[in-house]
């Protein structure tokens, strides 16, 4: 089940919550509605990674637990706050996760998604418990070109 609270135009936040699942297409479609078309593929990839992490690693795909997404647009900044009901994780920033670097090319998937988030979004911050992720994408004339087109 998906619960939606769309926000009025302005600085208010909208909310989408859903039971832990990996079927994310309708949720991603809703979250991308106001994103400029040229940025949608890249941001879709980043949001999908964040939502999969929340549902799979945070909530262990437990359908009784929900993933909550708050979203807002302020000027040319798109914000998402994604939270889960899991136990959290110990996050750390690392040198290879900086936006200018390339993805690690080891065979393990561990950490690859987190580095991907740092490459796609301009701001990536977790709360201390590791259960809430804040993402921001700045889209304006000074922004770099999308990584994915």
N, C-alpha and C. Protein backbone atom coordinates (compact mmCIF):
# COMPACT_ATOMS: atom_id res chain seq x y z
N UNK A 1 0.83 -1.16 0.00
CA UNK A 1 0.00 0.00 0.00
C UNK A 1 0.88 1.24 0.00
N UNK A 2 0.48 2.24 -0.77
CA UNK A 2 1.20 3.50 -0.86
C UNK A 2 0.31 4.60 -0.31
N UNK A 3 0.82 5.39 0.60
CA UNK A 3 0.10 6.56 1.12
C UNK A 3 0.81 7.80 0.62
N UNK A 4 0.03 8.74 0.07
CA UNK A 4 0.60 9.95 -0.51
C UNK A 4 -0.06 11.17 0.09
N UNK A 5 0.75 12.14 0.44
CA UNK A 5 0.27 13.44 0.87
C UNK A 5 1.01 14.46 0.02
N UNK A 6 0.39 14.87 -1.08
CA UNK A 6 1.04 15.81 -1.98
C UNK A 6 1.03 17.19 -1.38
N UNK A 7 2.05 17.94 -1.65
CA UNK A 7 2.18 19.26 -1.08
C UNK A 7 1.63 20.31 -2.02
N UNK A 8 1.13 21.40 -1.48
CA UNK A 8 0.75 22.52 -2.33
C UNK A 8 2.01 23.18 -2.89
N UNK A 9 1.84 24.01 -3.91
CA UNK A 9 2.97 24.71 -4.49
C UNK A 9 3.60 25.61 -3.44
N UNK A 10 4.89 25.63 -3.37
CA UNK A 10 5.59 26.45 -2.38
C UNK A 10 6.64 25.65 -1.65
N UNK A 11 6.87 25.98 -0.41
CA UNK A 11 7.96 25.37 0.35
C UNK A 11 7.52 24.22 1.24
N UNK A 12 6.30 23.81 1.16
CA UNK A 12 5.84 22.72 2.01
C UNK A 12 6.35 21.38 1.48
N UNK A 13 6.34 20.41 2.36
CA UNK A 13 6.83 19.08 2.02
C UNK A 13 5.68 18.14 1.70
N UNK A 14 5.88 17.31 0.70
CA UNK A 14 4.97 16.22 0.41
C UNK A 14 5.52 14.96 1.05
N UNK A 15 4.67 13.95 1.18
CA UNK A 15 5.09 12.70 1.82
C UNK A 15 4.54 11.51 1.05
N UNK A 16 5.38 10.51 0.87
CA UNK A 16 4.97 9.21 0.34
C UNK A 16 5.48 8.18 1.33
N UNK A 17 4.60 7.27 1.75
CA UNK A 17 5.05 6.16 2.58
C UNK A 17 4.54 4.87 1.96
N UNK A 18 5.32 3.81 2.11
CA UNK A 18 4.94 2.54 1.50
C UNK A 18 5.54 1.39 2.31
N UNK A 19 4.85 0.25 2.24
CA UNK A 19 5.36 -0.96 2.90
C UNK A 19 6.63 -1.38 2.19
N UNK A 20 7.56 -1.93 2.93
CA UNK A 20 8.86 -2.34 2.38
C UNK A 20 8.67 -3.30 1.21
N UNK A 21 9.12 -2.86 0.06
CA UNK A 21 9.03 -3.64 -1.16
C UNK A 21 10.12 -3.18 -2.11
N UNK A 22 10.43 -4.01 -3.08
CA UNK A 22 11.36 -3.61 -4.12
C UNK A 22 10.62 -3.21 -5.39
N UNK A 23 9.30 -3.25 -5.36
CA UNK A 23 8.51 -2.77 -6.50
C UNK A 23 8.37 -1.26 -6.36
N UNK A 24 9.31 -0.54 -6.93
CA UNK A 24 9.44 0.89 -6.69
C UNK A 24 9.04 1.78 -7.87
N UNK A 25 8.67 1.19 -9.01
CA UNK A 25 8.37 2.00 -10.20
C UNK A 25 7.32 3.07 -9.95
N UNK A 26 6.16 2.75 -9.35
CA UNK A 26 5.16 3.82 -9.17
C UNK A 26 5.62 4.90 -8.18
N UNK A 27 6.40 4.52 -7.21
CA UNK A 27 6.90 5.48 -6.23
C UNK A 27 7.92 6.41 -6.89
N UNK A 28 8.83 5.83 -7.65
CA UNK A 28 9.82 6.64 -8.36
C UNK A 28 9.15 7.57 -9.36
N UNK A 29 8.13 7.08 -10.06
CA UNK A 29 7.40 7.93 -11.01
C UNK A 29 6.81 9.15 -10.31
N UNK A 30 6.23 8.94 -9.14
CA UNK A 30 5.66 10.06 -8.39
C UNK A 30 6.74 11.04 -7.92
N UNK A 31 7.86 10.51 -7.46
CA UNK A 31 8.93 11.36 -6.95
C UNK A 31 9.63 12.16 -8.05
N UNK A 32 9.52 11.69 -9.29
CA UNK A 32 10.20 12.35 -10.40
C UNK A 32 9.31 13.30 -11.20
N UNK A 33 8.04 13.41 -10.82
CA UNK A 33 7.10 14.20 -11.61
C UNK A 33 7.56 15.63 -11.87
N UNK A 34 8.16 16.28 -10.90
CA UNK A 34 8.54 17.69 -11.05
C UNK A 34 10.01 17.89 -11.43
N UNK A 35 10.72 16.82 -11.65
CA UNK A 35 12.14 16.91 -12.00
C UNK A 35 12.25 17.22 -13.49
N UNK A 36 13.13 18.16 -13.88
CA UNK A 36 13.34 18.40 -15.31
C UNK A 36 13.73 17.10 -16.02
N UNK A 37 13.18 16.91 -17.20
CA UNK A 37 13.31 15.64 -17.93
C UNK A 37 14.77 15.20 -18.10
N UNK A 38 15.68 16.12 -18.40
CA UNK A 38 17.07 15.71 -18.64
C UNK A 38 17.74 15.14 -17.39
N UNK A 39 17.23 15.46 -16.21
CA UNK A 39 17.79 14.97 -14.95
C UNK A 39 17.11 13.70 -14.45
N UNK A 40 15.98 13.33 -15.03
CA UNK A 40 15.21 12.21 -14.49
C UNK A 40 15.95 10.87 -14.46
N UNK A 41 16.66 10.45 -15.53
CA UNK A 41 17.33 9.13 -15.46
C UNK A 41 18.35 9.05 -14.33
N UNK A 42 19.16 10.09 -14.16
CA UNK A 42 20.18 10.08 -13.12
C UNK A 42 19.57 10.09 -11.72
N UNK A 43 18.61 10.97 -11.51
CA UNK A 43 17.98 11.06 -10.19
C UNK A 43 17.17 9.81 -9.89
N UNK A 44 16.54 9.21 -10.91
CA UNK A 44 15.81 7.95 -10.72
C UNK A 44 16.75 6.87 -10.19
N UNK A 45 17.93 6.77 -10.79
CA UNK A 45 18.91 5.78 -10.35
C UNK A 45 19.30 6.00 -8.90
N UNK A 46 19.57 7.26 -8.53
CA UNK A 46 19.96 7.57 -7.16
C UNK A 46 18.84 7.31 -6.17
N UNK A 47 17.63 7.74 -6.49
CA UNK A 47 16.50 7.51 -5.58
C UNK A 47 16.19 6.03 -5.46
N UNK A 48 16.31 5.29 -6.57
CA UNK A 48 16.07 3.85 -6.51
C UNK A 48 17.07 3.19 -5.56
N UNK A 49 18.31 3.58 -5.64
CA UNK A 49 19.33 3.02 -4.75
C UNK A 49 19.00 3.33 -3.29
N UNK A 50 18.62 4.57 -3.02
CA UNK A 50 18.28 4.97 -1.64
C UNK A 50 17.06 4.22 -1.13
N UNK A 51 16.03 4.06 -1.97
CA UNK A 51 14.81 3.37 -1.54
C UNK A 51 15.04 1.88 -1.36
N UNK A 52 15.84 1.27 -2.24
CA UNK A 52 16.18 -0.15 -2.07
C UNK A 52 16.94 -0.35 -0.77
N UNK A 53 17.89 0.54 -0.48
CA UNK A 53 18.64 0.43 0.78
C UNK A 53 17.71 0.50 1.97
N UNK A 54 16.74 1.43 1.95
CA UNK A 54 15.82 1.58 3.08
C UNK A 54 14.93 0.35 3.23
N UNK A 55 14.37 -0.14 2.13
CA UNK A 55 13.45 -1.28 2.20
C UNK A 55 14.18 -2.60 2.48
N UNK A 56 15.28 -2.83 1.79
CA UNK A 56 15.98 -4.11 1.87
C UNK A 56 16.92 -4.18 3.08
N UNK A 57 17.80 -3.22 3.21
CA UNK A 57 18.80 -3.27 4.28
C UNK A 57 18.27 -2.69 5.58
N UNK A 58 17.46 -1.63 5.48
CA UNK A 58 16.90 -1.03 6.69
C UNK A 58 15.79 -1.86 7.28
N UNK A 59 14.77 -2.13 6.48
CA UNK A 59 13.58 -2.83 6.97
C UNK A 59 13.59 -4.33 6.70
N UNK A 60 14.65 -4.85 6.13
CA UNK A 60 14.75 -6.30 5.83
C UNK A 60 13.55 -6.81 5.03
N UNK A 61 13.01 -5.96 4.15
CA UNK A 61 11.83 -6.29 3.32
C UNK A 61 10.65 -6.78 4.15
N UNK A 62 10.57 -6.35 5.39
CA UNK A 62 9.46 -6.69 6.27
C UNK A 62 8.26 -5.83 5.86
N UNK A 63 7.19 -6.45 5.32
CA UNK A 63 6.06 -5.67 4.83
C UNK A 63 5.29 -4.94 5.93
N UNK A 64 5.55 -5.27 7.18
CA UNK A 64 4.89 -4.54 8.27
C UNK A 64 5.62 -3.23 8.60
N UNK A 65 6.81 -3.05 8.02
CA UNK A 65 7.57 -1.82 8.23
C UNK A 65 7.44 -0.94 6.99
N UNK A 66 7.47 0.37 7.23
CA UNK A 66 7.31 1.29 6.11
C UNK A 66 8.58 2.09 5.84
N UNK A 67 8.65 2.56 4.61
CA UNK A 67 9.65 3.52 4.18
C UNK A 67 8.90 4.82 3.98
N UNK A 68 9.42 5.90 4.51
CA UNK A 68 8.78 7.21 4.39
C UNK A 68 9.70 8.13 3.60
N UNK A 69 9.10 8.85 2.65
CA UNK A 69 9.86 9.81 1.84
C UNK A 69 9.16 11.16 1.93
N UNK A 70 9.88 12.15 2.45
CA UNK A 70 9.42 13.54 2.42
C UNK A 70 10.15 14.19 1.26
N UNK A 71 9.46 15.04 0.51
CA UNK A 71 10.11 15.66 -0.65
C UNK A 71 9.63 17.10 -0.80
N UNK A 72 10.53 17.91 -1.35
CA UNK A 72 10.22 19.33 -1.52
C UNK A 72 11.10 19.92 -2.61
N UNK A 73 10.63 21.01 -3.18
CA UNK A 73 11.40 21.78 -4.15
C UNK A 73 11.48 23.20 -3.62
N UNK A 74 12.68 23.70 -3.47
CA UNK A 74 12.89 25.08 -3.05
C UNK A 74 13.82 25.70 -4.09
N UNK A 75 13.26 26.59 -4.88
CA UNK A 75 13.99 27.22 -5.99
C UNK A 75 14.49 26.11 -6.91
N UNK A 76 15.78 25.99 -7.10
CA UNK A 76 16.33 24.95 -7.98
C UNK A 76 16.89 23.77 -7.20
N UNK A 77 16.49 23.61 -5.94
CA UNK A 77 16.96 22.50 -5.12
C UNK A 77 15.82 21.52 -4.88
N UNK A 78 16.09 20.27 -5.20
CA UNK A 78 15.14 19.18 -4.97
C UNK A 78 15.63 18.39 -3.77
N UNK A 79 14.76 18.23 -2.76
CA UNK A 79 15.13 17.57 -1.50
C UNK A 79 14.29 16.33 -1.27
N UNK A 80 14.92 15.30 -0.75
CA UNK A 80 14.25 14.07 -0.34
C UNK A 80 14.79 13.67 1.03
N UNK A 81 13.91 13.30 1.92
CA UNK A 81 14.32 12.73 3.21
C UNK A 81 13.69 11.34 3.26
N UNK A 82 14.53 10.33 3.28
CA UNK A 82 14.09 8.93 3.23
C UNK A 82 14.41 8.29 4.57
N UNK A 83 13.38 7.73 5.20
CA UNK A 83 13.60 7.08 6.50
C UNK A 83 13.00 5.68 6.50
N UNK A 84 13.61 4.82 7.29
CA UNK A 84 13.12 3.45 7.44
C UNK A 84 12.96 3.15 8.92
N UNK A 85 12.44 1.97 9.23
CA UNK A 85 12.19 1.57 10.61
C UNK A 85 13.20 0.52 11.08
N UNK A 86 14.34 0.46 10.41
CA UNK A 86 15.36 -0.51 10.77
C UNK A 86 16.19 -0.08 11.96
N UNK A 87 17.19 -0.89 12.25
CA UNK A 87 18.08 -0.65 13.39
C UNK A 87 19.14 0.40 13.06
N UNK A 88 19.26 0.78 11.81
CA UNK A 88 20.26 1.76 11.41
C UNK A 88 21.57 1.10 11.05
N UNK A 89 22.51 1.91 10.61
CA UNK A 89 23.83 1.39 10.27
C UNK A 89 24.87 2.46 10.56
N UNK A 90 26.09 2.01 10.74
CA UNK A 90 27.18 2.94 11.00
C UNK A 90 27.73 3.39 9.66
N UNK A 91 27.47 4.60 9.28
CA UNK A 91 27.94 5.13 8.01
C UNK A 91 29.20 5.93 8.23
N UNK A 92 30.01 5.99 7.20
CA UNK A 92 31.19 6.84 7.24
C UNK A 92 31.45 7.31 5.83
N UNK A 93 32.04 8.47 5.74
CA UNK A 93 32.42 8.94 4.42
C UNK A 93 33.81 8.43 4.13
N UNK A 94 34.08 8.22 2.87
CA UNK A 94 35.39 7.71 2.49
C UNK A 94 35.87 8.48 1.27
N UNK A 95 37.16 8.45 1.03
CA UNK A 95 37.74 9.23 -0.06
C UNK A 95 37.16 8.84 -1.42
N UNK A 96 36.91 7.56 -1.64
CA UNK A 96 36.44 7.15 -2.96
C UNK A 96 34.96 7.44 -3.17
N UNK A 97 34.29 8.06 -2.21
CA UNK A 97 32.89 8.40 -2.36
C UNK A 97 32.68 9.86 -2.73
N UNK A 98 33.74 10.58 -2.97
CA UNK A 98 33.60 11.98 -3.34
C UNK A 98 33.03 12.10 -4.74
N UNK A 99 32.26 13.16 -5.03
CA UNK A 99 31.61 13.31 -6.33
C UNK A 99 32.57 13.28 -7.51
N UNK A 100 33.80 13.72 -7.35
CA UNK A 100 34.74 13.77 -8.47
C UNK A 100 35.34 12.42 -8.81
N UNK A 101 35.22 11.47 -7.92
CA UNK A 101 35.87 10.19 -8.14
C UNK A 101 34.98 9.25 -8.94
N UNK A 102 35.56 8.14 -9.34
CA UNK A 102 34.79 7.13 -10.05
C UNK A 102 34.36 6.06 -9.05
N UNK A 103 33.41 5.24 -9.46
CA UNK A 103 32.94 4.17 -8.60
C UNK A 103 34.06 3.16 -8.36
N UNK A 104 34.09 2.56 -7.18
CA UNK A 104 35.09 1.52 -6.95
C UNK A 104 34.84 0.37 -7.92
N UNK A 105 35.90 -0.22 -8.45
CA UNK A 105 35.70 -1.27 -9.44
C UNK A 105 36.01 -2.65 -8.88
N UNK A 106 35.87 -2.81 -7.56
CA UNK A 106 36.00 -4.15 -7.00
C UNK A 106 34.72 -4.92 -7.29
N UNK A 107 34.75 -6.18 -7.08
CA UNK A 107 33.60 -7.02 -7.40
C UNK A 107 32.51 -6.99 -6.34
N UNK A 108 32.81 -6.50 -5.15
CA UNK A 108 31.79 -6.51 -4.11
C UNK A 108 30.83 -5.36 -4.31
N UNK A 109 29.59 -5.57 -3.92
CA UNK A 109 28.57 -4.53 -4.01
C UNK A 109 28.60 -3.63 -2.79
N UNK A 110 29.30 -4.04 -1.74
CA UNK A 110 29.31 -3.29 -0.50
C UNK A 110 29.90 -1.90 -0.73
N UNK A 111 29.13 -0.89 -0.40
CA UNK A 111 29.59 0.48 -0.53
C UNK A 111 29.39 1.10 -1.89
N UNK A 112 29.15 0.31 -2.90
CA UNK A 112 28.99 0.85 -4.25
C UNK A 112 27.78 1.77 -4.35
N UNK A 113 26.67 1.36 -3.75
CA UNK A 113 25.46 2.18 -3.80
C UNK A 113 25.63 3.49 -3.07
N UNK A 114 26.35 3.47 -1.95
CA UNK A 114 26.58 4.70 -1.20
C UNK A 114 27.45 5.66 -1.99
N UNK A 115 28.44 5.14 -2.68
CA UNK A 115 29.27 5.99 -3.52
C UNK A 115 28.47 6.56 -4.69
N UNK A 116 27.58 5.76 -5.22
CA UNK A 116 26.71 6.23 -6.30
C UNK A 116 25.86 7.42 -5.84
N UNK A 117 25.35 7.36 -4.63
CA UNK A 117 24.56 8.47 -4.09
C UNK A 117 25.40 9.75 -4.05
N UNK A 118 26.65 9.62 -3.64
CA UNK A 118 27.53 10.79 -3.56
C UNK A 118 27.85 11.36 -4.95
N UNK A 119 27.84 10.53 -5.96
CA UNK A 119 28.10 11.02 -7.31
C UNK A 119 26.89 11.71 -7.90
N UNK A 120 25.70 11.26 -7.57
CA UNK A 120 24.48 11.79 -8.17
C UNK A 120 23.99 13.04 -7.45
N UNK A 121 23.98 13.02 -6.11
CA UNK A 121 23.38 14.11 -5.35
C UNK A 121 24.44 15.09 -4.87
N UNK A 122 24.03 16.33 -4.70
CA UNK A 122 24.93 17.38 -4.23
C UNK A 122 25.11 17.35 -2.72
N UNK A 123 24.11 16.88 -2.01
CA UNK A 123 24.18 16.74 -0.55
C UNK A 123 23.66 15.36 -0.18
N UNK A 124 24.43 14.63 0.62
CA UNK A 124 24.05 13.30 1.10
C UNK A 124 24.40 13.26 2.59
N UNK A 125 23.37 13.19 3.44
CA UNK A 125 23.60 13.19 4.88
C UNK A 125 22.69 12.18 5.58
N UNK A 126 23.26 11.43 6.53
CA UNK A 126 22.49 10.50 7.35
C UNK A 126 22.34 11.06 8.74
N UNK A 127 21.26 10.66 9.43
CA UNK A 127 21.17 11.01 10.84
C UNK A 127 22.12 10.08 11.62
N UNK A 128 22.29 10.37 12.89
CA UNK A 128 23.26 9.59 13.69
C UNK A 128 22.90 8.12 13.78
N UNK A 129 21.61 7.81 13.79
CA UNK A 129 21.19 6.41 13.91
C UNK A 129 21.35 5.64 12.60
N UNK A 130 21.51 6.34 11.49
CA UNK A 130 21.61 5.67 10.20
C UNK A 130 20.26 5.18 9.69
N UNK A 131 19.17 5.82 10.12
CA UNK A 131 17.83 5.42 9.68
C UNK A 131 17.17 6.48 8.81
N UNK A 132 17.84 7.61 8.60
CA UNK A 132 17.27 8.68 7.80
C UNK A 132 18.35 9.26 6.90
N UNK A 133 18.03 9.40 5.64
CA UNK A 133 18.94 9.90 4.63
C UNK A 133 18.36 11.16 4.01
N UNK A 134 19.15 12.22 3.98
CA UNK A 134 18.73 13.48 3.33
C UNK A 134 19.54 13.64 2.05
N UNK A 135 18.81 13.83 0.96
CA UNK A 135 19.43 14.00 -0.35
C UNK A 135 19.00 15.32 -0.95
N UNK A 136 19.90 15.98 -1.65
CA UNK A 136 19.56 17.21 -2.35
C UNK A 136 20.24 17.21 -3.71
N UNK A 137 19.49 17.64 -4.71
CA UNK A 137 20.02 17.82 -6.06
C UNK A 137 19.76 19.26 -6.48
N UNK A 138 20.81 19.97 -6.82
CA UNK A 138 20.68 21.34 -7.31
C UNK A 138 20.65 21.30 -8.83
N UNK A 139 19.60 21.87 -9.39
CA UNK A 139 19.43 21.86 -10.84
C UNK A 139 19.26 23.31 -11.29
N UNK A 140 20.31 23.86 -11.84
CA UNK A 140 20.23 25.22 -12.36
C UNK A 140 21.22 25.38 -13.50
N UNK A 141 21.35 26.58 -14.00
CA UNK A 141 22.22 26.81 -15.16
C UNK A 141 23.70 26.55 -14.85
N UNK A 142 24.10 26.58 -13.57
CA UNK A 142 25.50 26.34 -13.21
C UNK A 142 25.76 24.87 -12.88
N UNK A 143 24.74 24.04 -12.87
CA UNK A 143 24.91 22.64 -12.54
C UNK A 143 25.69 21.92 -13.63
N UNK A 144 26.38 20.89 -13.24
CA UNK A 144 27.05 20.05 -14.23
C UNK A 144 26.01 19.37 -15.09
N UNK A 145 26.41 18.83 -16.21
CA UNK A 145 25.47 18.09 -17.06
C UNK A 145 25.16 16.75 -16.39
N UNK A 146 23.98 16.18 -16.66
CA UNK A 146 23.64 14.88 -16.07
C UNK A 146 24.67 13.80 -16.45
N UNK A 147 24.91 12.87 -15.52
CA UNK A 147 25.80 11.74 -15.78
C UNK A 147 25.15 10.74 -16.71
N UNK A 148 23.83 10.65 -16.64
CA UNK A 148 23.07 9.69 -17.45
C UNK A 148 22.11 10.49 -18.32
N UNK A 149 22.04 10.15 -19.59
CA UNK A 149 21.08 10.87 -20.44
C UNK A 149 20.22 9.90 -21.21
